[in-house]
Amino acid sequence: MMSDNQFSNFINELSIQTKMENIWGYTCGSWENCSEATIQSFLAQCLDYNIDPQFCMSWVEQHKAEIPNWNAVSETSLGWINQHTSSGSAISVSDEGLS
């Protein structure tokens, strides 16, 4: 297994799709190993490498038939995305203190 530093150097030289697939291999390993814990690690790594977690989950969802306990994994990923990205809630702007 690569060290975190080796993984970082390797991942920065690749296309977005390839980066995402390599992150998947590093965090989950396979569709069968995808769990509530590994999906959160996958999404966090995607975000760390500036890959949209929603894009990543769209790709993962294409393989949902291969993922055990997909409903729990999907629910966990939705909660993670809502908590860690701005898409989970509306952005409100207040004009207080802008004078």
N, C-alpha and C. Protein backbone atom coordinates (compact mmCIF):
# COMPACT_ATOMS: atom_id res chain seq x y z
N MET A 1 0.85 -1.19 0.00
CA MET A 1 0.00 0.00 0.00
C MET A 1 0.89 1.25 0.00
N MET A 2 0.44 2.27 -0.71
CA MET A 2 1.19 3.53 -0.79
C MET A 2 1.06 4.31 0.51
N SER A 3 2.08 5.11 0.78
CA SER A 3 1.96 6.05 1.89
C SER A 3 1.06 7.19 1.45
N ASP A 4 0.56 7.97 2.39
CA ASP A 4 -0.31 9.09 2.04
C ASP A 4 0.39 10.08 1.12
N ASN A 5 1.68 10.32 1.33
CA ASN A 5 2.43 11.26 0.51
C ASN A 5 2.58 10.73 -0.92
N GLN A 6 2.88 9.44 -1.06
CA GLN A 6 2.99 8.85 -2.39
C GLN A 6 1.66 8.92 -3.11
N PHE A 7 0.59 8.64 -2.38
CA PHE A 7 -0.75 8.70 -2.96
C PHE A 7 -1.05 10.12 -3.43
N SER A 8 -0.72 11.13 -2.63
CA SER A 8 -0.96 12.52 -3.00
C SER A 8 -0.20 12.90 -4.26
N ASN A 9 1.06 12.51 -4.36
CA ASN A 9 1.84 12.82 -5.55
C ASN A 9 1.28 12.14 -6.78
N PHE A 10 0.87 10.90 -6.63
CA PHE A 10 0.32 10.12 -7.73
C PHE A 10 -1.00 10.68 -8.21
N ILE A 11 -1.86 11.01 -7.30
CA ILE A 11 -3.22 11.43 -7.63
C ILE A 11 -3.24 12.78 -8.34
N ASN A 12 -2.30 13.66 -8.07
CA ASN A 12 -2.30 14.99 -8.65
C ASN A 12 -1.93 15.01 -10.13
N GLU A 13 -1.46 13.93 -10.69
CA GLU A 13 -1.02 13.89 -12.08
C GLU A 13 -2.06 13.27 -13.02
N LEU A 14 -3.25 13.02 -12.58
CA LEU A 14 -4.22 12.26 -13.35
C LEU A 14 -5.47 13.06 -13.72
N SER A 15 -6.27 12.54 -14.67
CA SER A 15 -7.54 13.16 -15.04
C SER A 15 -8.52 13.03 -13.87
N ILE A 16 -9.58 13.81 -13.90
CA ILE A 16 -10.57 13.78 -12.82
C ILE A 16 -11.17 12.39 -12.67
N GLN A 17 -11.57 11.78 -13.77
CA GLN A 17 -12.16 10.44 -13.71
C GLN A 17 -11.16 9.44 -13.12
N THR A 18 -9.94 9.51 -13.59
CA THR A 18 -8.91 8.59 -13.09
C THR A 18 -8.60 8.87 -11.63
N LYS A 19 -8.55 10.15 -11.25
CA LYS A 19 -8.34 10.50 -9.84
C LYS A 19 -9.43 9.87 -8.99
N MET A 20 -10.67 10.07 -9.42
CA MET A 20 -11.80 9.55 -8.65
C MET A 20 -11.72 8.03 -8.53
N GLU A 21 -11.42 7.36 -9.61
CA GLU A 21 -11.32 5.90 -9.58
C GLU A 21 -10.17 5.44 -8.68
N ASN A 22 -9.07 6.17 -8.70
CA ASN A 22 -7.95 5.81 -7.82
C ASN A 22 -8.28 6.08 -6.36
N ILE A 23 -8.99 7.16 -6.09
CA ILE A 23 -9.45 7.42 -4.72
C ILE A 23 -10.36 6.29 -4.27
N TRP A 24 -11.25 5.87 -5.16
CA TRP A 24 -12.16 4.76 -4.85
C TRP A 24 -11.35 3.52 -4.47
N GLY A 25 -10.35 3.19 -5.27
CA GLY A 25 -9.52 2.02 -4.99
C GLY A 25 -8.78 2.15 -3.67
N TYR A 26 -8.34 3.35 -3.36
CA TYR A 26 -7.58 3.61 -2.14
C TYR A 26 -8.48 3.57 -0.90
N THR A 27 -9.70 4.09 -1.00
CA THR A 27 -10.57 4.18 0.17
C THR A 27 -11.51 2.98 0.33
N CYS A 28 -12.02 2.47 -0.79
CA CYS A 28 -13.01 1.39 -0.72
C CYS A 28 -12.45 0.05 -1.20
N GLY A 29 -11.65 0.11 -2.23
CA GLY A 29 -11.04 -1.11 -2.74
C GLY A 29 -11.89 -1.82 -3.79
N SER A 30 -13.18 -1.96 -3.52
CA SER A 30 -14.08 -2.63 -4.45
C SER A 30 -15.51 -2.23 -4.11
N TRP A 31 -16.41 -2.53 -5.02
CA TRP A 31 -17.83 -2.22 -4.78
C TRP A 31 -18.33 -3.01 -3.58
N GLU A 32 -17.87 -4.25 -3.44
CA GLU A 32 -18.32 -5.11 -2.34
C GLU A 32 -17.85 -4.59 -0.98
N ASN A 33 -16.76 -3.85 -0.95
CA ASN A 33 -16.23 -3.31 0.30
C ASN A 33 -16.78 -1.93 0.63
N CYS A 34 -17.63 -1.41 -0.21
CA CYS A 34 -18.20 -0.08 0.05
C CYS A 34 -19.17 -0.17 1.22
N SER A 35 -18.92 0.66 2.22
CA SER A 35 -19.76 0.68 3.42
C SER A 35 -20.03 2.12 3.81
N GLU A 36 -20.77 2.30 4.87
CA GLU A 36 -21.06 3.64 5.36
C GLU A 36 -19.77 4.37 5.74
N ALA A 37 -18.82 3.66 6.29
CA ALA A 37 -17.54 4.29 6.68
C ALA A 37 -16.68 4.59 5.47
N THR A 38 -16.57 3.64 4.54
CA THR A 38 -15.68 3.86 3.40
C THR A 38 -16.23 4.91 2.44
N ILE A 39 -17.55 5.02 2.33
CA ILE A 39 -18.10 6.03 1.43
C ILE A 39 -17.80 7.43 1.95
N GLN A 40 -17.80 7.60 3.26
CA GLN A 40 -17.46 8.91 3.83
C GLN A 40 -15.98 9.23 3.58
N SER A 41 -15.14 8.25 3.70
CA SER A 41 -13.72 8.44 3.43
C SER A 41 -13.51 8.79 1.95
N PHE A 42 -14.20 8.09 1.08
CA PHE A 42 -14.13 8.35 -0.36
C PHE A 42 -14.54 9.78 -0.67
N LEU A 43 -15.68 10.21 -0.13
CA LEU A 43 -16.17 11.57 -0.41
C LEU A 43 -15.22 12.63 0.15
N ALA A 44 -14.68 12.38 1.34
CA ALA A 44 -13.75 13.33 1.94
C ALA A 44 -12.48 13.46 1.09
N GLN A 45 -11.97 12.33 0.59
CA GLN A 45 -10.78 12.36 -0.27
C GLN A 45 -11.10 13.08 -1.58
N CYS A 46 -12.27 12.83 -2.14
CA CYS A 46 -12.65 13.54 -3.37
C CYS A 46 -12.65 15.04 -3.13
N LEU A 47 -13.25 15.47 -2.04
CA LEU A 47 -13.29 16.89 -1.71
C LEU A 47 -11.88 17.43 -1.50
N ASP A 48 -11.03 16.67 -0.83
CA ASP A 48 -9.63 17.08 -0.60
C ASP A 48 -8.89 17.30 -1.92
N TYR A 49 -9.24 16.53 -2.94
CA TYR A 49 -8.58 16.66 -4.24
C TYR A 49 -9.42 17.48 -5.23
N ASN A 50 -10.33 18.28 -4.68
CA ASN A 50 -11.12 19.23 -5.48
C ASN A 50 -11.97 18.55 -6.55
N ILE A 51 -12.51 17.40 -6.22
CA ILE A 51 -13.46 16.72 -7.10
C ILE A 51 -14.82 16.81 -6.43
N ASP A 52 -15.80 17.28 -7.14
CA ASP A 52 -17.14 17.47 -6.60
C ASP A 52 -17.69 16.16 -6.04
N PRO A 53 -17.99 16.11 -4.74
CA PRO A 53 -18.52 14.88 -4.15
C PRO A 53 -19.83 14.42 -4.79
N GLN A 54 -20.64 15.35 -5.28
CA GLN A 54 -21.88 14.94 -5.95
C GLN A 54 -21.58 14.23 -7.27
N PHE A 55 -20.58 14.70 -7.99
CA PHE A 55 -20.13 14.03 -9.20
C PHE A 55 -19.67 12.61 -8.85
N CYS A 56 -18.92 12.50 -7.78
CA CYS A 56 -18.41 11.20 -7.35
C CYS A 56 -19.54 10.26 -6.96
N MET A 57 -20.52 10.77 -6.25
CA MET A 57 -21.65 9.92 -5.85
C MET A 57 -22.50 9.52 -7.03
N SER A 58 -22.59 10.37 -8.03
CA SER A 58 -23.31 10.01 -9.25
C SER A 58 -22.65 8.80 -9.90
N TRP A 59 -21.32 8.81 -9.91
CA TRP A 59 -20.57 7.68 -10.47
C TRP A 59 -20.78 6.43 -9.62
N VAL A 60 -20.71 6.57 -8.30
CA VAL A 60 -20.90 5.42 -7.41
C VAL A 60 -22.31 4.85 -7.59
N GLU A 61 -23.28 5.72 -7.70
CA GLU A 61 -24.68 5.27 -7.83
C GLU A 61 -24.90 4.40 -9.06
N GLN A 62 -24.10 4.60 -10.08
CA GLN A 62 -24.21 3.77 -11.27
C GLN A 62 -23.89 2.31 -10.97
N HIS A 63 -23.26 2.06 -9.84
CA HIS A 63 -22.85 0.71 -9.45
C HIS A 63 -23.59 0.22 -8.21
N LYS A 64 -24.71 0.84 -7.90
CA LYS A 64 -25.42 0.53 -6.65
C LYS A 64 -25.83 -0.94 -6.54
N ALA A 65 -26.08 -1.59 -7.66
CA ALA A 65 -26.46 -3.01 -7.61
C ALA A 65 -25.33 -3.89 -7.09
N GLU A 66 -24.10 -3.39 -7.17
CA GLU A 66 -22.94 -4.15 -6.73
C GLU A 66 -22.53 -3.84 -5.29
N ILE A 67 -23.21 -2.87 -4.67
CA ILE A 67 -22.83 -2.42 -3.33
C ILE A 67 -23.79 -3.00 -2.30
N PRO A 68 -23.25 -3.82 -1.39
CA PRO A 68 -24.10 -4.36 -0.33
C PRO A 68 -24.66 -3.22 0.53
N ASN A 69 -25.87 -3.37 0.98
CA ASN A 69 -26.50 -2.38 1.86
C ASN A 69 -26.52 -0.99 1.22
N TRP A 70 -26.85 -0.94 -0.06
CA TRP A 70 -26.85 0.31 -0.81
C TRP A 70 -27.69 1.39 -0.13
N ASN A 71 -28.84 1.05 0.41
CA ASN A 71 -29.70 2.07 1.02
C ASN A 71 -28.99 2.81 2.15
N ALA A 72 -28.30 2.09 3.01
CA ALA A 72 -27.57 2.72 4.12
C ALA A 72 -26.40 3.54 3.58
N VAL A 73 -25.68 3.02 2.61
CA VAL A 73 -24.56 3.73 2.01
C VAL A 73 -25.05 5.02 1.36
N SER A 74 -26.14 4.93 0.62
CA SER A 74 -26.70 6.09 -0.06
C SER A 74 -27.16 7.15 0.93
N GLU A 75 -27.83 6.72 1.98
CA GLU A 75 -28.30 7.66 3.01
C GLU A 75 -27.12 8.33 3.71
N THR A 76 -26.09 7.57 4.02
CA THR A 76 -24.90 8.12 4.66
C THR A 76 -24.22 9.14 3.74
N SER A 77 -24.11 8.81 2.47
CA SER A 77 -23.46 9.72 1.53
C SER A 77 -24.26 11.01 1.36
N LEU A 78 -25.57 10.91 1.32
CA LEU A 78 -26.40 12.11 1.21
C LEU A 78 -26.21 13.01 2.43
N GLY A 79 -26.18 12.41 3.61
CA GLY A 79 -25.94 13.19 4.83
C GLY A 79 -24.58 13.85 4.81
N TRP A 80 -23.56 13.12 4.34
CA TRP A 80 -22.20 13.67 4.28
C TRP A 80 -22.17 14.85 3.30
N ILE A 81 -22.75 14.67 2.14
CA ILE A 81 -22.76 15.74 1.13
C ILE A 81 -23.50 16.96 1.66
N ASN A 82 -24.62 16.76 2.31
CA ASN A 82 -25.37 17.89 2.87
C ASN A 82 -24.58 18.63 3.94
N GLN A 83 -23.80 17.90 4.70
CA GLN A 83 -23.02 18.48 5.78
C GLN A 83 -21.76 19.18 5.29
N HIS A 84 -21.17 18.70 4.20
CA HIS A 84 -19.85 19.18 3.78
C HIS A 84 -19.84 20.03 2.51
N THR A 85 -20.98 20.22 1.88
CA THR A 85 -21.02 21.05 0.67
C THR A 85 -22.14 22.07 0.80
N SER A 86 -22.08 23.09 -0.01
CA SER A 86 -23.10 24.15 0.05
C SER A 86 -24.41 23.72 -0.59
N SER A 87 -24.42 22.61 -1.31
CA SER A 87 -25.64 22.19 -1.98
C SER A 87 -26.68 21.62 -1.03
N GLY A 88 -26.26 21.35 0.19
CA GLY A 88 -27.20 20.77 1.15
C GLY A 88 -28.22 21.73 1.68
N SER A 89 -27.95 23.03 1.61
CA SER A 89 -28.89 24.01 2.11
C SER A 89 -28.80 25.28 1.27
N ALA A 90 -29.88 26.00 1.30
CA ALA A 90 -29.91 27.25 0.55
C ALA A 90 -28.94 28.24 1.18
N ILE A 91 -28.33 29.04 0.34
CA ILE A 91 -27.42 30.07 0.80
C ILE A 91 -28.23 31.34 0.97
N SER A 92 -28.16 31.95 2.14
CA SER A 92 -28.88 33.19 2.36
C SER A 92 -27.88 34.31 2.55
N VAL A 93 -28.23 35.45 2.03
CA VAL A 93 -27.36 36.62 2.15
C VAL A 93 -28.13 37.67 2.94
N SER A 94 -27.45 38.20 3.93
CA SER A 94 -28.06 39.25 4.74
C SER A 94 -27.33 40.54 4.50
N ASP A 95 -28.07 41.65 4.51
CA ASP A 95 -27.41 42.94 4.29
C ASP A 95 -27.08 43.63 5.60
N GLU A 96 -27.21 42.91 6.71
CA GLU A 96 -26.86 43.51 8.01
C GLU A 96 -25.39 43.84 8.05
N GLY A 97 -25.08 45.00 8.51
CA GLY A 97 -23.69 45.41 8.69
C GLY A 97 -22.95 45.71 7.39
N LEU A 98 -23.67 45.91 6.30
CA LEU A 98 -23.02 46.18 5.03
C LEU A 98 -23.03 47.66 4.67
N SER A 99 -23.33 48.53 5.62
CA SER A 99 -23.40 49.94 5.30
C SER A 99 -22.07 50.62 5.41
